[in-house]
N, C-alpha and C. Protein backbone atom coordinates (compact mmCIF):
# COMPACT_ATOMS: atom_id res chain seq x y z
N MET A 1 1.10 -18.14 -0.58
CA MET A 1 1.72 -17.04 -0.53
C MET A 1 1.81 -17.17 0.65
N SER A 2 2.32 -17.64 1.65
CA SER A 2 1.90 -17.60 3.21
C SER A 2 3.28 -17.43 3.59
N ASP A 3 4.41 -17.87 2.92
CA ASP A 3 5.69 -18.20 3.45
C ASP A 3 6.48 -16.65 4.24
N THR A 4 6.99 -17.14 5.13
CA THR A 4 7.95 -16.29 5.85
C THR A 4 8.57 -15.22 4.57
N ILE A 5 9.49 -15.47 4.05
CA ILE A 5 10.35 -14.65 2.87
C ILE A 5 9.33 -13.72 2.65
N THR A 6 8.24 -14.60 1.51
CA THR A 6 7.59 -13.86 0.64
C THR A 6 7.10 -12.64 1.73
N GLN A 7 6.33 -13.51 2.14
CA GLN A 7 5.27 -12.09 3.04
C GLN A 7 6.51 -10.93 4.08
N THR A 8 7.42 -11.24 4.09
CA THR A 8 8.49 -10.26 4.51
C THR A 8 8.74 -9.07 3.27
N ARG A 9 8.49 -10.14 2.09
CA ARG A 9 9.50 -9.18 1.24
C ARG A 9 8.25 -8.47 1.12
N LEU A 10 7.09 -9.04 0.67
CA LEU A 10 6.16 -7.94 0.61
C LEU A 10 4.85 -6.94 1.24
N SER A 11 6.19 -6.97 3.01
CA SER A 11 5.84 -6.58 4.24
C SER A 11 6.74 -5.14 4.02
N MET A 12 7.79 -5.25 2.88
CA MET A 12 9.06 -4.73 3.17
C MET A 12 8.50 -3.49 2.25
N ARG A 13 8.14 -3.88 0.84
CA ARG A 13 7.60 -3.37 -0.20
C ARG A 13 6.56 -1.98 -0.06
N LEU A 14 5.27 -2.76 1.11
CA LEU A 14 4.20 -1.97 1.50
C LEU A 14 5.12 -0.75 2.68
N ASP A 15 5.79 -0.90 3.38
CA ASP A 15 6.45 0.23 4.24
C ASP A 15 7.34 1.10 3.12
N THR A 16 7.65 0.70 1.66
CA THR A 16 8.63 1.96 1.36
C THR A 16 7.53 2.57 0.84
N TYR A 17 6.37 2.28 0.25
CA TYR A 17 5.18 2.66 -0.55
C TYR A 17 4.63 3.97 0.68
N LEU A 18 4.21 3.62 1.98
CA LEU A 18 4.06 4.40 3.59
C LEU A 18 5.00 5.43 3.56
N ARG A 19 6.41 4.82 3.15
CA ARG A 19 7.40 5.85 3.98
C ARG A 19 6.95 7.30 2.63
N GLU A 20 7.24 6.98 1.22
CA GLU A 20 6.68 7.86 -0.28
C GLU A 20 5.75 8.48 0.13
N TYR A 21 3.98 7.60 0.81
CA TYR A 21 3.14 7.95 0.77
C TYR A 21 3.19 9.61 1.75
N THR A 22 4.03 9.10 2.86
CA THR A 22 4.22 10.01 3.87
C THR A 22 5.11 11.29 3.89
N ALA A 23 5.45 11.22 3.19
CA ALA A 23 6.56 12.38 2.19
C ALA A 23 6.35 13.37 1.15
N LYS A 24 5.17 12.24 0.44
CA LYS A 24 4.45 13.70 -0.42
C LYS A 24 3.37 13.91 -0.12
N ASN A 25 2.96 13.89 1.12
CA ASN A 25 1.20 13.77 1.94
C ASN A 25 1.18 15.40 1.74
N VAL A 26 1.37 16.31 0.90
CA VAL A 26 1.50 17.81 0.58
C VAL A 26 0.26 17.54 -0.18
N ARG A 27 -0.78 16.85 -1.04
CA ARG A 27 -1.75 16.82 -1.77
C ARG A 27 -2.64 16.51 -0.51
N ARG A 28 -3.88 17.28 -1.32
CA ARG A 28 -4.86 17.18 -0.51
C ARG A 28 -6.21 17.35 -0.98
N ASP A 29 -5.93 16.21 -2.60
CA ASP A 29 -7.05 15.88 -3.61
C ASP A 29 -7.65 14.68 -2.49
N ALA A 30 -9.18 14.94 -1.97
CA ALA A 30 -10.05 13.86 -0.92
C ALA A 30 -10.30 12.67 -1.78
N LEU A 31 -10.31 12.60 -3.79
CA LEU A 31 -10.05 11.07 -3.79
C LEU A 31 -9.10 10.84 -4.15
N PHE A 32 -8.21 10.90 -3.92
CA PHE A 32 -6.99 10.53 -3.86
C PHE A 32 -6.49 10.08 -2.88
N LYS A 33 -7.10 10.45 -1.92
CA LYS A 33 -6.82 10.26 -0.50
C LYS A 33 -7.42 8.88 0.50
N GLU A 34 -9.17 9.11 -0.27
CA GLU A 34 -9.52 8.31 0.00
C GLU A 34 -9.91 6.65 -0.64
N GLU A 35 -8.94 6.55 -2.08
CA GLU A 35 -8.21 5.87 -2.70
C GLU A 35 -7.15 5.17 -1.74
N TRP A 36 -6.08 5.86 -1.46
CA TRP A 36 -4.85 5.25 -0.53
C TRP A 36 -5.45 4.62 0.94
N ASP A 37 -6.60 5.52 1.62
CA ASP A 37 -6.47 4.79 2.60
C ASP A 37 -7.62 3.64 2.29
N THR A 38 -8.25 3.33 1.38
CA THR A 38 -9.09 1.91 1.27
C THR A 38 -8.41 1.17 0.58
N VAL A 39 -7.07 0.93 -0.41
CA VAL A 39 -6.15 -0.21 -0.74
C VAL A 39 -5.18 -0.42 0.59
N TRP A 40 -4.67 1.49 0.62
CA TRP A 40 -3.59 0.95 2.17
C TRP A 40 -4.27 -0.15 3.08
N GLN A 41 -5.69 0.19 3.78
CA GLN A 41 -6.13 -0.75 4.89
C GLN A 41 -6.28 -2.10 4.35
N VAL A 42 -6.43 -2.44 3.39
CA VAL A 42 -7.13 -3.94 3.13
C VAL A 42 -5.08 -4.31 2.97
N ALA A 43 -4.63 -3.41 2.63
CA ALA A 43 -3.13 -4.37 2.32
C ALA A 43 -2.48 -4.35 3.45
N ASP A 44 -3.00 -3.81 4.74
CA ASP A 44 -2.80 -3.76 6.08
C ASP A 44 -3.18 -4.75 6.65
N VAL A 45 -4.67 -4.99 6.39
CA VAL A 45 -5.04 -5.75 7.31
C VAL A 45 -4.61 -7.19 6.77
N ALA A 46 -4.11 -7.42 6.07
CA ALA A 46 -3.71 -8.84 4.94
C ALA A 46 -2.28 -9.28 5.31
N ARG A 47 -1.59 -7.86 5.67
CA ARG A 47 -0.08 -8.24 5.93
C ARG A 47 -0.21 -8.65 7.06
N THR A 48 -0.83 -8.17 8.38
CA THR A 48 -1.14 -9.07 9.85
C THR A 48 -1.71 -10.22 9.80
N GLN A 49 -2.46 -10.23 8.95
CA GLN A 49 -3.15 -11.87 9.08
C GLN A 49 -1.78 -12.74 8.29
N ASN A 50 -1.01 -12.40 7.53
CA ASN A 50 0.49 -13.03 6.88
C ASN A 50 -0.25 -13.88 5.50
N VAL A 51 -1.60 -13.07 4.41
CA VAL A 51 -1.89 -13.43 3.68
C VAL A 51 -1.75 -12.17 2.73
N LEU A 52 -0.54 -11.41 2.86
CA LEU A 52 -0.34 -10.50 1.31
C LEU A 52 0.32 -10.81 0.32
N THR A 53 -1.09 -10.40 -0.64
CA THR A 53 -0.47 -10.44 -2.22
C THR A 53 0.33 -9.95 -2.98
N PRO A 54 0.98 -10.21 -4.44
CA PRO A 54 1.85 -9.28 -4.78
C PRO A 54 0.55 -8.69 -5.69
N GLU A 55 -0.44 -8.53 -5.74
CA GLU A 55 -1.72 -7.88 -6.51
C GLU A 55 -1.49 -6.63 -5.07
N LEU A 56 -1.89 -6.69 -4.59
CA LEU A 56 -2.73 -6.00 -2.84
C LEU A 56 -1.26 -4.60 -3.04
N VAL A 57 -0.57 -5.20 -2.95
CA VAL A 57 1.31 -4.90 -2.80
C VAL A 57 1.20 -3.95 -4.14
N ASP A 58 0.28 -4.09 -5.21
CA ASP A 58 0.53 -3.29 -6.43
C ASP A 58 -0.22 -2.28 -6.47
N ASP A 59 -1.72 -3.03 -5.83
CA ASP A 59 -2.92 -1.96 -6.03
C ASP A 59 -2.42 -0.49 -4.85
N VAL A 60 -1.95 -0.84 -4.00
CA VAL A 60 -1.01 0.22 -3.34
C VAL A 60 -0.28 1.07 -3.78
N ARG A 61 0.84 0.28 -4.52
CA ARG A 61 1.64 0.75 -5.53
C ARG A 61 0.70 2.34 -6.38
N LYS A 62 -0.25 1.76 -7.19
CA LYS A 62 -1.18 2.21 -7.96
C LYS A 62 -2.14 3.42 -7.30
N ALA A 63 -2.18 3.17 -6.73
CA ALA A 63 -3.07 4.59 -5.77
C ALA A 63 -1.81 5.52 -5.37
N LEU A 64 -0.75 5.18 -4.80
CA LEU A 64 0.47 5.81 -4.74
C LEU A 64 0.45 6.85 -6.17
N LYS A 65 1.12 6.23 -6.95
CA LYS A 65 1.53 6.81 -8.22
C LYS A 65 0.06 7.63 -8.47
N LYS A 66 -0.91 7.31 -8.48
CA LYS A 66 -2.20 7.95 -8.95
C LYS A 66 -1.97 9.19 -9.10
N GLU A 67 -1.98 9.80 -10.05
CA GLU A 67 -2.08 11.67 -10.56
C GLU A 67 -3.15 12.07 -10.24
N SER A 68 -3.43 13.61 -9.43
CA SER A 68 -4.44 14.32 -9.32
C SER A 68 -4.86 15.32 -10.62
N PRO A 69 -6.18 14.76 -10.59
CA PRO A 69 -6.76 15.66 -11.41
C PRO A 69 -5.96 17.31 -12.30
């Protein structure tokens, strides 16, 4: 998963999710924020090390789409 094109595409998806999260940041749910922060940090570190995987990006998407109770 470390080829340049794959890493670039995954990174672009990650950036899209961050923009969406930033735009939605009206939520004040601490559990939601904690989960987001955790998956985001893991994915961001993987991105800087060029080891980003579709699974990590999908975890970020799932955290973003999760509804508050």
